[in-house]
């Protein structure tokens, strides 16, 4: 129920917004806001707005004097078709038919994020003319408020990509968070209960038996590992010995080679004598 403030430079002031209902846009929930009744008054009905009168001269009810914001041009803003304005303004111009269903400004704002889901700001631009008696052919318009045009600045819904992203953030995310919170809570409690049941309900001899089986398997694994290490060490030792013998056979000295040559010549000489 907080009052929101809407500021736009063209209004030269902030406008209060009040909550009037609720609505859904793009699958997201939002509060509907309208400008507070009398927000555009110049002090005729809302005395707090009297300070907005320019140089102490207040325009009729339902008009905002924005001359200072438009470089001195005599411009006044109102709701379309002088809605909520003084009756004299409505009667002074033909074709003025204010309709709240068409001409009311509204905002739809998501209360969780402050995201505007939809808005339509409708304002009318008027010329607030003063004394024109000294200007030829303009006397008819002296002290007259002439409606020029009214605008509707709006968007009906967010772009698809943004709407999808915020739908996940605001709708799917909280539901998923709640579900996972309860799942983790139930899982944690179940684990604690199973641990307590295991500690107090399972017979002690079964626990000891399971522990003994586990220790026996661990011992067997250690024994097998030791035997495999011994076998690998033995194989490595045999390979080393074979390599030593091989290399020793290759590393013969020159003296051994000469002795073999002398022995070979001696044997050859004996063979010649016999012949």
Foldseek 3Di string as FASTA:
>chain_A
DDWDWDDDLQLVDIFTWDFDAWDAFLNAIWTKIFGPQQRQFCCPPPVVNVVQADPNDGDFTFWGACCVSVVNFRKIKGFQLSVSTDVVQNVVDPPRDDDCVPGTWMWTAHPVPRHTFKTKDKMWIWHQAACPPVPPPCRVCHRHIGTDGMDIDIDRGDPPVVSVVVCCVPPVVVVVVVVVVVVVVVVVVVVVVVVVCVVPPDDPVVVVVVVVVVVVVVVVVVVVVVVVVVVVVVVVVVVVVVVVVVVVVVPDDPVVVVVVVVVVVVVVVVVVVVD
